[in-house]
Amino acid sequence: MRAPASSSLLAESFERLRLELSTLLHQDLDFPFCCFEFLAAGIGKTYALFKKLERLFERQVATLELFDDLFELLQAVFKFRQMESPRTL
């Protein structure tokens, strides 16, 4: 008869420990989770800012690439015209 009382006592001890631990963790982790949520929100806003800056940078690069292509086209035209008409000194 001793075995069931011992296992019952052990089960009650584990249950009490589990409840105390869950209560303790709930109370002690409220502040860190609050800080974590605040940090995550700040990171999200920073990420959004970086995405806007990235789009702005990509537009500027696209504009520079367009001008580069136009200058290469003009350079090719000038070289073609220079080969077409020989120099006279």
N, C-alpha and C. Protein backbone atom coordinates (compact mmCIF):
# COMPACT_ATOMS: atom_id res chain seq x y z
N MET A 1 0.81 -1.19 0.00
CA MET A 1 0.00 0.00 0.00
C MET A 1 0.85 1.26 0.00
N ARG A 2 2.06 1.07 0.34
CA ARG A 2 2.94 2.23 0.43
C ARG A 2 3.28 2.79 -0.95
N ALA A 3 3.37 1.98 -1.94
CA ALA A 3 3.74 2.43 -3.27
C ALA A 3 2.74 3.43 -3.83
N PRO A 4 1.42 3.19 -3.74
CA PRO A 4 0.49 4.17 -4.29
C PRO A 4 0.55 5.50 -3.55
N ALA A 5 0.74 5.48 -2.23
CA ALA A 5 0.82 6.74 -1.48
C ALA A 5 2.08 7.50 -1.88
N SER A 6 3.15 6.78 -2.08
CA SER A 6 4.42 7.40 -2.47
C SER A 6 4.31 8.00 -3.87
N SER A 7 3.71 7.28 -4.80
CA SER A 7 3.57 7.80 -6.16
C SER A 7 2.58 8.95 -6.19
N SER A 8 1.56 8.89 -5.34
CA SER A 8 0.60 9.99 -5.26
C SER A 8 1.27 11.24 -4.71
N LEU A 9 2.09 11.06 -3.70
CA LEU A 9 2.82 12.19 -3.11
C LEU A 9 3.80 12.78 -4.13
N LEU A 10 4.45 11.92 -4.85
CA LEU A 10 5.39 12.36 -5.87
C LEU A 10 4.66 13.10 -6.99
N ALA A 11 3.51 12.59 -7.40
CA ALA A 11 2.72 13.23 -8.45
C ALA A 11 2.24 14.61 -7.98
N GLU A 12 1.81 14.71 -6.73
CA GLU A 12 1.37 15.99 -6.19
C GLU A 12 2.53 16.98 -6.12
N SER A 13 3.71 16.48 -5.76
CA SER A 13 4.88 17.35 -5.69
C SER A 13 5.25 17.89 -7.08
N PHE A 14 5.22 17.02 -8.07
CA PHE A 14 5.50 17.46 -9.43
C PHE A 14 4.46 18.46 -9.93
N GLU A 15 3.21 18.21 -9.61
CA GLU A 15 2.13 19.11 -10.03
C GLU A 15 2.31 20.48 -9.38
N ARG A 16 2.60 20.49 -8.09
CA ARG A 16 2.80 21.75 -7.38
C ARG A 16 4.02 22.48 -7.95
N LEU A 17 5.10 21.75 -8.19
CA LEU A 17 6.30 22.35 -8.77
C LEU A 17 6.02 22.92 -10.15
N ARG A 18 5.24 22.19 -10.94
CA ARG A 18 4.89 22.66 -12.28
C ARG A 18 4.08 23.94 -12.22
N LEU A 19 3.10 23.99 -11.31
CA LEU A 19 2.28 25.18 -11.17
C LEU A 19 3.09 26.37 -10.67
N GLU A 20 3.95 26.13 -9.69
CA GLU A 20 4.77 27.21 -9.17
C GLU A 20 5.74 27.72 -10.24
N LEU A 21 6.30 26.79 -10.97
CA LEU A 21 7.24 27.17 -12.03
C LEU A 21 6.55 27.97 -13.13
N SER A 22 5.36 27.53 -13.53
CA SER A 22 4.65 28.25 -14.59
C SER A 22 4.24 29.64 -14.11
N THR A 23 3.83 29.76 -12.85
CA THR A 23 3.47 31.07 -12.30
C THR A 23 4.71 31.96 -12.22
N LEU A 24 5.80 31.41 -11.76
CA LEU A 24 7.04 32.16 -11.63
C LEU A 24 7.53 32.62 -13.00
N LEU A 25 7.51 31.73 -13.97
CA LEU A 25 7.96 32.11 -15.31
C LEU A 25 7.05 33.16 -15.93
N HIS A 26 5.77 33.03 -15.71
CA HIS A 26 4.82 34.00 -16.26
C HIS A 26 5.11 35.38 -15.68
N GLN A 27 5.33 35.46 -14.39
CA GLN A 27 5.59 36.75 -13.76
C GLN A 27 6.96 37.29 -14.17
N ASP A 28 7.96 36.45 -14.19
CA ASP A 28 9.32 36.91 -14.46
C ASP A 28 9.56 37.20 -15.93
N LEU A 29 8.78 36.62 -16.82
CA LEU A 29 9.02 36.81 -18.25
C LEU A 29 8.16 37.89 -18.87
N ASP A 30 7.23 38.46 -18.11
CA ASP A 30 6.40 39.53 -18.67
C ASP A 30 7.25 40.71 -19.12
N PHE A 31 8.15 41.17 -18.27
CA PHE A 31 8.99 42.32 -18.61
C PHE A 31 9.94 42.02 -19.78
N PRO A 32 10.67 40.90 -19.76
CA PRO A 32 11.55 40.63 -20.92
C PRO A 32 10.79 40.49 -22.23
N PHE A 33 9.61 39.85 -22.20
CA PHE A 33 8.84 39.72 -23.43
C PHE A 33 8.33 41.07 -23.90
N CYS A 34 8.00 41.94 -22.96
CA CYS A 34 7.59 43.30 -23.31
C CYS A 34 8.74 44.01 -24.01
N CYS A 35 9.94 43.88 -23.46
CA CYS A 35 11.12 44.49 -24.08
C CYS A 35 11.39 43.88 -25.45
N PHE A 36 11.20 42.58 -25.56
CA PHE A 36 11.42 41.90 -26.83
C PHE A 36 10.43 42.41 -27.88
N GLU A 37 9.16 42.59 -27.50
CA GLU A 37 8.17 43.11 -28.44
C GLU A 37 8.53 44.53 -28.87
N PHE A 38 9.00 45.34 -27.92
CA PHE A 38 9.41 46.70 -28.24
C PHE A 38 10.60 46.69 -29.21
N LEU A 39 11.55 45.81 -28.95
CA LEU A 39 12.72 45.69 -29.81
C LEU A 39 12.31 45.21 -31.21
N ALA A 40 11.41 44.23 -31.26
CA ALA A 40 10.96 43.71 -32.56
C ALA A 40 10.24 44.80 -33.34
N ALA A 41 9.44 45.62 -32.66
CA ALA A 41 8.75 46.71 -33.35
C ALA A 41 9.76 47.72 -33.89
N GLY A 42 10.78 48.02 -33.10
CA GLY A 42 11.82 48.94 -33.57
C GLY A 42 12.58 48.39 -34.75
N ILE A 43 12.87 47.11 -34.72
CA ILE A 43 13.57 46.48 -35.85
C ILE A 43 12.69 46.51 -37.09
N GLY A 44 11.40 46.29 -36.91
CA GLY A 44 10.48 46.34 -38.05
C GLY A 44 10.44 47.71 -38.69
N LYS A 45 10.44 48.76 -37.86
CA LYS A 45 10.44 50.12 -38.41
C LYS A 45 11.77 50.42 -39.10
N THR A 46 12.85 49.97 -38.53
CA THR A 46 14.16 50.16 -39.14
C THR A 46 14.24 49.43 -40.48
N TYR A 47 13.69 48.23 -40.53
CA TYR A 47 13.67 47.45 -41.77
C TYR A 47 12.88 48.19 -42.85
N ALA A 48 11.73 48.76 -42.46
CA ALA A 48 10.92 49.50 -43.43
C ALA A 48 11.68 50.71 -43.96
N LEU A 49 12.42 51.38 -43.09
CA LEU A 49 13.22 52.53 -43.52
C LEU A 49 14.31 52.07 -44.51
N PHE A 50 14.98 50.98 -44.20
CA PHE A 50 16.01 50.47 -45.10
C PHE A 50 15.43 50.06 -46.45
N LYS A 51 14.22 49.51 -46.45
CA LYS A 51 13.59 49.13 -47.72
C LYS A 51 13.30 50.37 -48.56
N LYS A 52 12.84 51.46 -47.92
CA LYS A 52 12.58 52.70 -48.65
C LYS A 52 13.88 53.25 -49.23
N LEU A 53 14.93 53.25 -48.42
CA LEU A 53 16.23 53.74 -48.90
C LEU A 53 16.77 52.86 -50.02
N GLU A 54 16.54 51.56 -49.93
CA GLU A 54 16.98 50.65 -50.98
C GLU A 54 16.26 50.95 -52.29
N ARG A 55 14.95 51.20 -52.24
CA ARG A 55 14.21 51.53 -53.46
C ARG A 55 14.70 52.83 -54.06
N LEU A 56 14.98 53.83 -53.21
CA LEU A 56 15.51 55.10 -53.69
C LEU A 56 16.85 54.88 -54.38
N PHE A 57 17.71 54.12 -53.76
CA PHE A 57 19.03 53.82 -54.33
C PHE A 57 18.90 53.08 -55.65
N GLU A 58 17.98 52.11 -55.72
CA GLU A 58 17.79 51.36 -56.96
C GLU A 58 17.30 52.27 -58.09
N ARG A 59 16.44 53.23 -57.77
CA ARG A 59 15.97 54.17 -58.80
C ARG A 59 17.13 55.03 -59.30
N GLN A 60 17.98 55.47 -58.37
CA GLN A 60 19.12 56.28 -58.79
C GLN A 60 20.09 55.47 -59.64
N VAL A 61 20.32 54.23 -59.29
CA VAL A 61 21.20 53.37 -60.07
C VAL A 61 20.60 53.14 -61.46
N ALA A 62 19.29 52.92 -61.53
CA ALA A 62 18.64 52.72 -62.83
C ALA A 62 18.79 53.96 -63.71
N THR A 63 18.66 55.14 -63.10
CA THR A 63 18.84 56.38 -63.86
C THR A 63 20.27 56.50 -64.37
N LEU A 64 21.24 56.20 -63.52
CA LEU A 64 22.64 56.26 -63.94
C LEU A 64 22.94 55.24 -65.04
N GLU A 65 22.35 54.07 -64.94
CA GLU A 65 22.54 53.06 -65.99
C GLU A 65 21.96 53.53 -67.31
N LEU A 66 20.83 54.21 -67.26
CA LEU A 66 20.22 54.75 -68.48
C LEU A 66 21.15 55.77 -69.13
N PHE A 67 21.68 56.70 -68.33
CA PHE A 67 22.62 57.68 -68.88
C PHE A 67 23.88 57.01 -69.41
N ASP A 68 24.36 56.00 -68.73
CA ASP A 68 25.54 55.28 -69.19
C ASP A 68 25.28 54.64 -70.55
N ASP A 69 24.10 54.03 -70.69
CA ASP A 69 23.75 53.42 -71.98
C ASP A 69 23.68 54.46 -73.09
N LEU A 70 23.11 55.63 -72.78
CA LEU A 70 23.03 56.69 -73.78
C LEU A 70 24.41 57.19 -74.18
N PHE A 71 25.29 57.36 -73.20
CA PHE A 71 26.65 57.80 -73.51
C PHE A 71 27.41 56.75 -74.32
N GLU A 72 27.20 55.49 -74.04
CA GLU A 72 27.85 54.44 -74.83
C GLU A 72 27.34 54.45 -76.27
N LEU A 73 26.04 54.71 -76.44
CA LEU A 73 25.47 54.81 -77.78
C LEU A 73 26.07 55.99 -78.53
N LEU A 74 26.17 57.14 -77.87
CA LEU A 74 26.78 58.31 -78.50
C LEU A 74 28.24 58.05 -78.86
N GLN A 75 28.95 57.38 -77.96
CA GLN A 75 30.35 57.06 -78.23
C GLN A 75 30.47 56.16 -79.45
N ALA A 76 29.58 55.18 -79.57
CA ALA A 76 29.61 54.29 -80.73
C ALA A 76 29.30 55.05 -82.01
N VAL A 77 28.35 55.99 -81.94
CA VAL A 77 28.01 56.79 -83.12
C VAL A 77 29.21 57.65 -83.53
N PHE A 78 29.85 58.29 -82.57
CA PHE A 78 31.02 59.12 -82.89
C PHE A 78 32.15 58.29 -83.48
N LYS A 79 32.39 57.11 -82.94
CA LYS A 79 33.45 56.25 -83.46
C LYS A 79 33.11 55.80 -84.88
N PHE A 80 31.84 55.48 -85.13
CA PHE A 80 31.42 55.05 -86.46
C PHE A 80 31.60 56.18 -87.46
N ARG A 81 31.22 57.40 -87.08
CA ARG A 81 31.35 58.54 -87.99
C ARG A 81 32.81 58.89 -88.21
N GLN A 82 33.63 58.66 -87.17
CA GLN A 82 35.06 58.95 -87.31
C GLN A 82 35.70 57.95 -88.28
N MET A 83 35.29 56.70 -88.25
CA MET A 83 35.83 55.70 -89.18
C MET A 83 35.31 55.94 -90.59
N GLU A 84 34.12 56.49 -90.68
CA GLU A 84 33.48 56.70 -91.97
C GLU A 84 34.18 57.83 -92.74
N SER A 85 34.51 58.88 -92.06
CA SER A 85 35.18 60.00 -92.74
C SER A 85 36.63 60.08 -92.29
N PRO A 86 37.55 59.82 -93.24
CA PRO A 86 38.98 59.86 -92.87
C PRO A 86 39.41 61.29 -92.56
N ARG A 87 40.39 61.38 -91.72
CA ARG A 87 40.90 62.70 -91.33
C ARG A 87 41.72 63.31 -92.47
N THR A 88 41.54 64.56 -92.63
CA THR A 88 42.38 65.28 -93.59
C THR A 88 43.15 66.33 -92.84
N LEU A 89 44.44 66.31 -92.97
CA LEU A 89 45.28 67.31 -92.31
C LEU A 89 45.83 68.28 -93.27
